């Protein structure tokens, strides 16, 4: 299975064979300092690099294109122009090779690669990629949401603050490094609505304090990070109590955060659950997660014709059927984990 990822700033190609990752090659569009991702410019970057990445992925996998049995692609959610570049590449390969096409939900792919690589079967999942902030668990054929952001994702929120104060991109590691120089925190808005969260007010207040000069930047960075992560911690603890799940898996790019890991370790110890965090290499957007999820889906009969293929800028994770869920439990229990 060959997989193409292109939802936002990263284009990636992954190759999976019998559930084992053979290649994972990615390239990221870096926006100009002080700016976020421009969809058209990201798409132009992806279009320029796509064929070279494809060749590199096949070389690393040690496979010729003729060995591909099916082509998976990230069908959404994401930035429209970027999504279309990946979809066009996948369709072209499908037509040229005469092989099936498998649409993959980007968020589900983050979860599946985290489950596979951590050997997890039926966890509660904290999904914190650039565009997702959700707490989900599997029930009745789909991933169900036990809490989510109502406005922006936590990663996007911290990135936005970083741009506003000149800390550059990517924002999360830059803000966390800046926070290390702080000795205290200041109160910022905590917006928790039931099991859901909102981060925009938190960012607005932090930026206003920075512009007014009332609070130094390290203190603001520490205050922002601590408030945002403890908001996540509160709804996460409730979800663990409600679902009774004994594993907590963290998926997505923000899973790389050292400070968040400390907070989650404390939660896991307190509640007696196993904490499992996706490996660093596979935390951000990558082609391998699309290939692996496409592999699971295709074995369960999921595919579309080129004429029926699609991309969706908005596509809720809990709208996606996951008929392969138990297959991952089998593969992780018998040792067949992706390398």
Protein backbone atom coordinates (compact mmCIF):
# COMPACT_ATOMS: atom_id res chain seq x y z
CA UNK A 1 0.00 0.00 0.00
CA UNK A 2 1.30 3.42 -0.96
CA UNK A 3 -0.09 6.40 0.97
CA UNK A 4 -0.12 10.11 0.11
CA UNK A 5 -0.54 12.77 2.83
CA UNK A 6 -1.20 16.40 1.85
CA UNK A 7 -3.75 17.96 4.21
CA UNK A 8 -1.79 21.06 5.23
CA UNK A 9 1.87 22.11 5.33
CA UNK A 10 3.34 18.61 4.85
CA UNK A 11 3.32 16.34 1.83
CA UNK A 12 4.36 12.79 2.57
CA UNK A 13 4.61 9.42 0.87
CA UNK A 14 4.53 6.19 2.85
CA UNK A 15 4.83 2.55 1.82
CA UNK A 16 3.43 -0.31 3.90
CA UNK A 17 3.62 -4.04 3.23
CA UNK A 18 1.67 -6.55 5.35
CA UNK A 19 1.32 -3.95 8.10
CA UNK A 20 5.04 -3.10 8.19
CA UNK A 21 6.22 0.40 7.36
CA UNK A 22 8.85 0.20 4.62
CA UNK A 23 9.20 3.91 3.86
CA UNK A 24 8.10 7.24 5.28
CA UNK A 25 9.28 10.30 3.34
CA UNK A 26 7.95 13.79 4.04
CA UNK A 27 8.64 17.42 3.15
CA UNK A 28 7.16 20.48 4.85
CA UNK A 29 6.26 23.91 3.52
CA UNK A 30 7.58 26.59 5.91
CA UNK A 31 5.63 29.87 5.69
CA UNK A 32 7.41 33.25 5.88
CA UNK A 33 8.19 34.46 9.40
CA UNK A 34 5.13 35.93 11.09
CA UNK A 35 2.62 34.24 8.79
CA UNK A 36 0.52 31.09 8.94
CA UNK A 37 0.07 28.53 6.19
CA UNK A 38 -1.18 30.01 2.91
CA UNK A 39 -3.21 27.23 1.23
CA UNK A 40 -2.18 28.10 -2.35
CA UNK A 41 1.51 28.42 -1.50
CA UNK A 42 1.44 25.13 0.41
CA UNK A 43 -0.18 23.46 -2.61
CA UNK A 44 2.48 24.89 -4.94
CA UNK A 45 5.19 23.49 -2.67
CA UNK A 46 3.53 20.07 -2.67
CA UNK A 47 3.16 20.03 -6.45
CA UNK A 48 6.86 20.81 -6.95
CA UNK A 49 8.14 18.12 -4.57
CA UNK A 50 5.57 15.32 -5.03
CA UNK A 51 7.23 13.28 -7.80
CA UNK A 52 10.67 13.44 -6.16
CA UNK A 53 9.15 12.25 -2.87
CA UNK A 54 7.40 9.40 -4.63
CA UNK A 55 10.66 8.20 -6.17
CA UNK A 56 12.45 8.50 -2.84
CA UNK A 57 9.75 6.54 -1.00
CA UNK A 58 9.85 3.70 -3.51
CA UNK A 59 13.66 3.67 -3.35
CA UNK A 60 13.65 3.47 0.45
CA UNK A 61 10.99 0.77 0.38
CA UNK A 62 13.02 -1.23 -2.12
CA UNK A 63 9.93 -1.69 -4.29
CA UNK A 64 9.05 -0.81 -7.86
CA UNK A 65 5.80 1.04 -8.57
CA UNK A 66 4.47 -2.12 -10.24
CA UNK A 67 4.50 -3.83 -6.80
CA UNK A 68 1.84 -1.47 -5.43
CA UNK A 69 -1.51 -3.19 -4.76
CA UNK A 70 -3.50 -0.05 -3.90
CA UNK A 71 -3.04 3.70 -3.38
CA UNK A 72 -4.34 5.50 -0.28
CA UNK A 73 -4.62 9.28 0.04
CA UNK A 74 -5.65 11.78 2.70
CA UNK A 75 -9.15 12.77 1.62
CA UNK A 76 -9.66 15.31 4.42
CA UNK A 77 -10.15 17.29 6.48
CA UNK A 78 -7.64 19.94 5.51
CA UNK A 79 -6.77 22.83 3.21
CA UNK A 80 -8.54 22.46 -0.11
CA UNK A 81 -5.66 23.31 -2.48
CA UNK A 82 -3.22 21.10 -0.55
CA UNK A 83 -5.67 18.20 -0.38
CA UNK A 84 -6.22 18.34 -4.12
CA UNK A 85 -2.51 17.97 -4.91
CA UNK A 86 -2.32 14.70 -2.99
CA UNK A 87 -5.57 13.45 -4.46
CA UNK A 88 -4.42 14.20 -8.02
CA UNK A 89 -1.17 12.29 -7.44
CA UNK A 90 -3.05 9.33 -5.95
CA UNK A 91 -5.60 9.29 -8.80
CA UNK A 92 -2.86 9.44 -11.42
CA UNK A 93 -1.06 6.49 -9.82
CA UNK A 94 -4.32 4.56 -9.54
CA UNK A 95 -5.08 5.06 -13.24
CA UNK A 96 -1.53 4.43 -14.47
CA UNK A 97 -1.08 1.26 -12.41
CA UNK A 98 -4.68 0.06 -12.67
CA UNK A 99 -4.90 -0.25 -8.89
CA UNK A 100 -7.69 0.58 -6.38
CA UNK A 101 -7.91 3.94 -4.62
CA UNK A 102 -8.51 4.20 -0.86
CA UNK A 103 -9.68 7.48 0.79
CA UNK A 104 -8.37 8.01 4.33
CA UNK A 105 -9.50 10.40 7.06
CA UNK A 106 -6.46 12.34 8.28
CA UNK A 107 -7.47 12.28 11.96
CA UNK A 108 -8.28 8.58 11.93
CA UNK A 109 -4.85 7.95 10.38
CA UNK A 110 -3.14 9.78 13.28
CA UNK A 111 -4.99 7.49 15.69
CA UNK A 112 -4.28 4.27 13.82
CA UNK A 113 -0.55 4.78 13.53
CA UNK A 114 -0.39 5.70 17.21
CA UNK A 115 -2.38 2.59 18.17
CA UNK A 116 -0.19 0.34 16.02
CA UNK A 117 3.18 1.74 17.06
CA UNK A 118 2.36 1.78 20.78
CA UNK A 119 0.76 -1.67 20.79
CA UNK A 120 -2.56 -0.31 22.02
CA UNK A 121 -5.89 -2.06 21.51
CA UNK A 122 -8.87 -0.11 22.86
CA UNK A 123 -7.60 3.19 24.29
CA UNK A 124 -8.99 6.58 25.04
CA UNK A 125 -7.20 8.81 22.52
CA UNK A 126 -6.08 12.40 22.92
CA UNK A 127 -5.74 13.57 19.31
CA UNK A 128 -3.77 16.81 19.16
CA UNK A 129 -2.56 17.38 15.62
CA UNK A 130 -2.36 20.86 14.11
CA UNK A 131 -6.04 20.96 13.17
CA UNK A 132 -7.48 18.51 15.71
CA UNK A 133 -8.03 18.71 19.44
CA UNK A 134 -10.31 15.82 20.39
CA UNK A 135 -10.71 13.15 23.02
CA UNK A 136 -12.11 10.03 21.37
CA UNK A 137 -12.75 6.37 21.99
CA UNK A 138 -14.07 3.56 19.83
CA UNK A 139 -17.70 2.42 20.21
CA UNK A 140 -20.24 0.90 17.82
CA UNK A 141 -18.12 0.95 14.69
CA UNK A 142 -16.71 4.47 14.90
CA UNK A 143 -14.52 6.73 17.01
CA UNK A 144 -16.81 8.69 19.32
CA UNK A 145 -15.98 12.13 20.68
CA UNK A 146 -15.83 12.68 24.44
CA UNK A 147 -14.66 16.29 24.21
CA UNK A 148 -13.26 18.62 21.55
CA UNK A 149 -12.33 22.20 20.76
CA UNK A 150 -15.17 24.50 19.75
CA UNK A 151 -12.94 26.97 17.90
CA UNK A 152 -9.25 26.39 17.18
CA UNK A 153 -7.04 23.41 17.93
CA UNK A 154 -4.57 23.76 20.79
CA UNK A 155 -1.61 23.50 18.40
CA UNK A 156 -3.05 26.21 16.15
CA UNK A 157 -3.74 28.39 19.20
CA UNK A 158 -0.15 28.24 20.41
CA UNK A 159 1.12 28.75 16.84
CA UNK A 160 -1.06 31.85 16.52
CA UNK A 161 0.31 33.32 19.74
CA UNK A 162 3.86 32.58 18.58
CA UNK A 163 3.27 34.48 15.32
CA UNK A 164 1.78 37.45 17.14
CA UNK A 165 4.77 37.81 19.48
CA UNK A 166 7.46 37.03 16.92
CA UNK A 167 8.56 33.58 18.09
CA UNK A 168 8.32 32.04 14.64
CA UNK A 169 7.14 28.71 13.29
CA UNK A 170 6.50 26.05 14.48
CA UNK A 171 5.05 27.79 17.48
CA UNK A 172 4.59 25.04 20.07
CA UNK A 173 8.30 24.23 20.65
CA UNK A 174 9.23 27.93 20.43
CA UNK A 175 6.67 28.94 23.06
CA UNK A 176 7.65 26.05 25.35
CA UNK A 177 11.34 27.01 25.12
CA UNK A 178 10.48 30.63 25.92
CA UNK A 179 8.39 29.46 28.91
CA UNK A 180 11.44 27.84 30.50
CA UNK A 181 12.67 31.31 31.45
CA UNK A 182 9.59 32.16 33.52
CA UNK A 183 9.36 31.97 37.30
CA UNK A 184 5.60 32.47 37.63
CA UNK A 185 2.30 32.50 35.75
CA UNK A 186 -0.53 34.99 35.38
CA UNK A 187 -4.24 34.11 35.23
CA UNK A 188 -5.65 33.59 31.73
CA UNK A 189 -9.21 32.64 30.67
CA UNK A 190 -10.10 28.98 31.14
CA UNK A 191 -12.90 28.23 28.69
CA UNK A 192 -14.30 24.76 29.36
CA UNK A 193 -17.90 24.19 28.31
CA UNK A 194 -19.06 20.82 29.57
CA UNK A 195 -16.57 18.44 27.96
CA UNK A 196 -15.55 20.90 25.25
CA UNK A 197 -12.91 23.61 25.10
CA UNK A 198 -12.32 26.98 23.48
CA UNK A 199 -8.82 28.43 23.08
CA UNK A 200 -9.38 31.69 21.16
CA UNK A 201 -10.11 33.78 24.26
CA UNK A 202 -6.98 32.44 25.91
CA UNK A 203 -4.83 33.53 22.95
CA UNK A 204 -6.52 36.92 22.65
CA UNK A 205 -5.90 37.72 26.32
CA UNK A 206 -2.27 36.60 26.15
CA UNK A 207 -1.62 38.71 23.03
CA UNK A 208 -3.31 41.75 24.62
CA UNK A 209 -1.10 41.44 27.71
CA UNK A 210 1.98 41.18 25.50
CA UNK A 211 1.06 44.27 23.47
CA UNK A 212 0.31 46.27 26.62
CA UNK A 213 3.71 45.43 28.08
CA UNK A 214 2.14 44.44 31.39
CA UNK A 215 3.70 40.96 31.46
CA UNK A 216 7.08 39.78 30.17
CA UNK A 217 7.12 37.28 27.30
CA UNK A 218 8.49 34.21 29.16
CA UNK A 219 5.79 34.57 31.81
CA UNK A 220 3.11 34.86 29.14
CA UNK A 221 4.44 31.79 27.32
CA UNK A 222 4.44 29.74 30.49
CA UNK A 223 0.96 30.97 31.42
CA UNK A 224 -0.43 30.14 27.98
CA UNK A 225 1.08 26.64 27.87
CA UNK A 226 0.09 25.73 31.43
CA UNK A 227 -3.47 27.00 31.03
CA UNK A 228 -4.03 25.29 27.67
CA UNK A 229 -2.60 21.96 28.81
CA UNK A 230 -4.47 21.93 32.10
CA UNK A 231 -7.69 22.62 30.21
CA UNK A 232 -6.94 19.46 28.23
CA UNK A 233 -6.10 17.60 31.43
CA UNK A 234 -9.44 18.44 33.07
CA UNK A 235 -11.64 17.15 30.25
CA UNK A 236 -9.33 14.18 29.72
CA UNK A 237 -9.67 13.06 33.33
CA UNK A 238 -13.45 13.25 33.08
CA UNK A 239 -13.42 11.19 29.88
CA UNK A 240 -11.23 8.52 31.50
CA UNK A 241 -13.62 8.33 34.45
CA UNK A 242 -16.66 8.12 32.17
CA UNK A 243 -15.35 5.55 29.69
CA UNK A 244 -13.38 3.40 32.12
CA UNK A 245 -10.71 2.78 29.46
CA UNK A 246 -7.37 1.55 30.79
CA UNK A 247 -5.07 2.91 28.08
CA UNK A 248 -4.46 6.52 27.12
CA UNK A 249 -2.91 7.07 23.69
CA UNK A 250 -1.65 10.47 22.56
CA UNK A 251 -1.58 11.07 18.78
CA UNK A 252 -0.72 14.05 16.58
CA UNK A 253 2.10 16.58 16.35
CA UNK A 254 1.57 18.23 19.75
CA UNK A 255 2.25 14.81 21.30
CA UNK A 256 5.92 15.81 21.00
CA UNK A 257 5.48 18.36 23.81
CA UNK A 258 7.66 17.50 26.82
CA UNK A 259 5.56 19.60 29.20
CA UNK A 260 2.30 18.00 28.09
CA UNK A 261 3.88 14.59 28.56
CA UNK A 262 4.66 15.45 32.20
CA UNK A 263 1.05 16.45 32.83
CA UNK A 264 -0.33 13.33 31.16
CA UNK A 265 2.08 11.08 33.09
CA UNK A 266 0.67 12.51 36.32
CA UNK A 267 -2.89 11.84 35.14
CA UNK A 268 -2.04 8.28 34.10
CA UNK A 269 -0.37 7.52 37.43
CA UNK A 270 -3.25 9.00 39.40
CA UNK A 271 -5.89 7.04 37.50
CA UNK A 272 -3.90 3.84 37.09
CA UNK A 273 -3.95 3.79 33.28
CA UNK A 274 -1.19 3.09 30.77
CA UNK A 275 0.06 6.18 28.93
CA UNK A 276 1.25 5.52 25.37
CA UNK A 277 2.55 8.32 23.15
CA UNK A 278 3.09 8.02 19.40
CA UNK A 279 6.81 7.94 18.50
CA UNK A 280 8.31 11.32 17.61
CA UNK A 281 8.88 10.48 13.92
CA UNK A 282 5.23 9.63 13.37
CA UNK A 283 3.63 12.35 15.53
CA UNK A 284 3.38 15.01 12.83
CA UNK A 285 1.62 14.62 9.50
CA UNK A 286 3.27 11.84 7.50
CA UNK A 287 2.73 9.50 4.56
CA UNK A 288 3.17 6.32 6.59
CA UNK A 289 0.02 6.95 8.64
CA UNK A 290 -2.03 7.25 5.44
CA UNK A 291 -0.48 4.09 3.97
CA UNK A 292 -1.01 2.10 7.17
CA UNK A 293 -4.63 3.19 7.63
CA UNK A 294 -5.25 2.60 3.93
CA UNK A 295 -3.84 -0.90 4.36
CA UNK A 296 -6.26 -1.64 7.21
CA UNK A 297 -9.20 -0.11 5.32
CA UNK A 298 -8.49 -1.87 2.02
CA UNK A 299 -8.34 -5.26 3.71
CA UNK A 300 -11.88 -4.54 4.94
CA UNK A 301 -13.14 -3.65 1.47
CA UNK A 302 -12.84 0.15 1.58
CA UNK A 303 -12.05 1.72 -1.82
CA UNK A 304 -13.48 4.14 -4.36
CA UNK A 305 -13.23 4.51 -8.12
CA UNK A 306 -11.30 7.47 -9.48
CA UNK A 307 -14.61 8.94 -10.69
CA UNK A 308 -16.10 8.67 -7.17
CA UNK A 309 -12.99 9.87 -5.34
CA UNK A 310 -13.27 13.04 -3.28
CA UNK A 311 -11.63 15.48 -0.90
CA UNK A 312 -13.43 17.13 2.01
CA UNK A 313 -12.10 20.25 3.69
CA UNK A 314 -14.51 19.62 6.55
CA UNK A 315 -14.99 15.99 7.59
CA UNK A 316 -15.79 14.99 11.13
CA UNK A 317 -13.90 12.06 12.54
CA UNK A 318 -17.04 10.55 14.07
CA UNK A 319 -18.63 10.30 10.59
CA UNK A 320 -16.10 7.67 9.49
CA UNK A 321 -16.80 3.95 9.77
CA UNK A 322 -13.84 1.97 11.17
CA UNK A 323 -14.54 -1.68 10.28
CA UNK A 324 -10.88 -2.66 10.83
CA UNK A 325 -10.71 -1.57 14.50
CA UNK A 326 -10.26 -5.05 15.97
CA UNK A 327 -7.67 -5.96 13.30
CA UNK A 328 -5.18 -3.56 14.92
CA UNK A 329 -5.74 -5.26 18.28
CA UNK A 330 -4.81 -8.60 16.70
CA UNK A 331 -1.71 -7.27 14.97
CA UNK A 332 -0.40 -5.52 18.08
CA UNK A 333 -0.96 -8.55 20.29
CA UNK A 334 0.89 -11.02 18.08
CA UNK A 335 3.95 -8.86 17.57
CA UNK A 336 3.31 -7.72 13.97
CA UNK A 337 3.90 -4.07 14.64
CA UNK A 338 5.12 -1.58 12.06
CA UNK A 339 8.89 -1.12 12.16
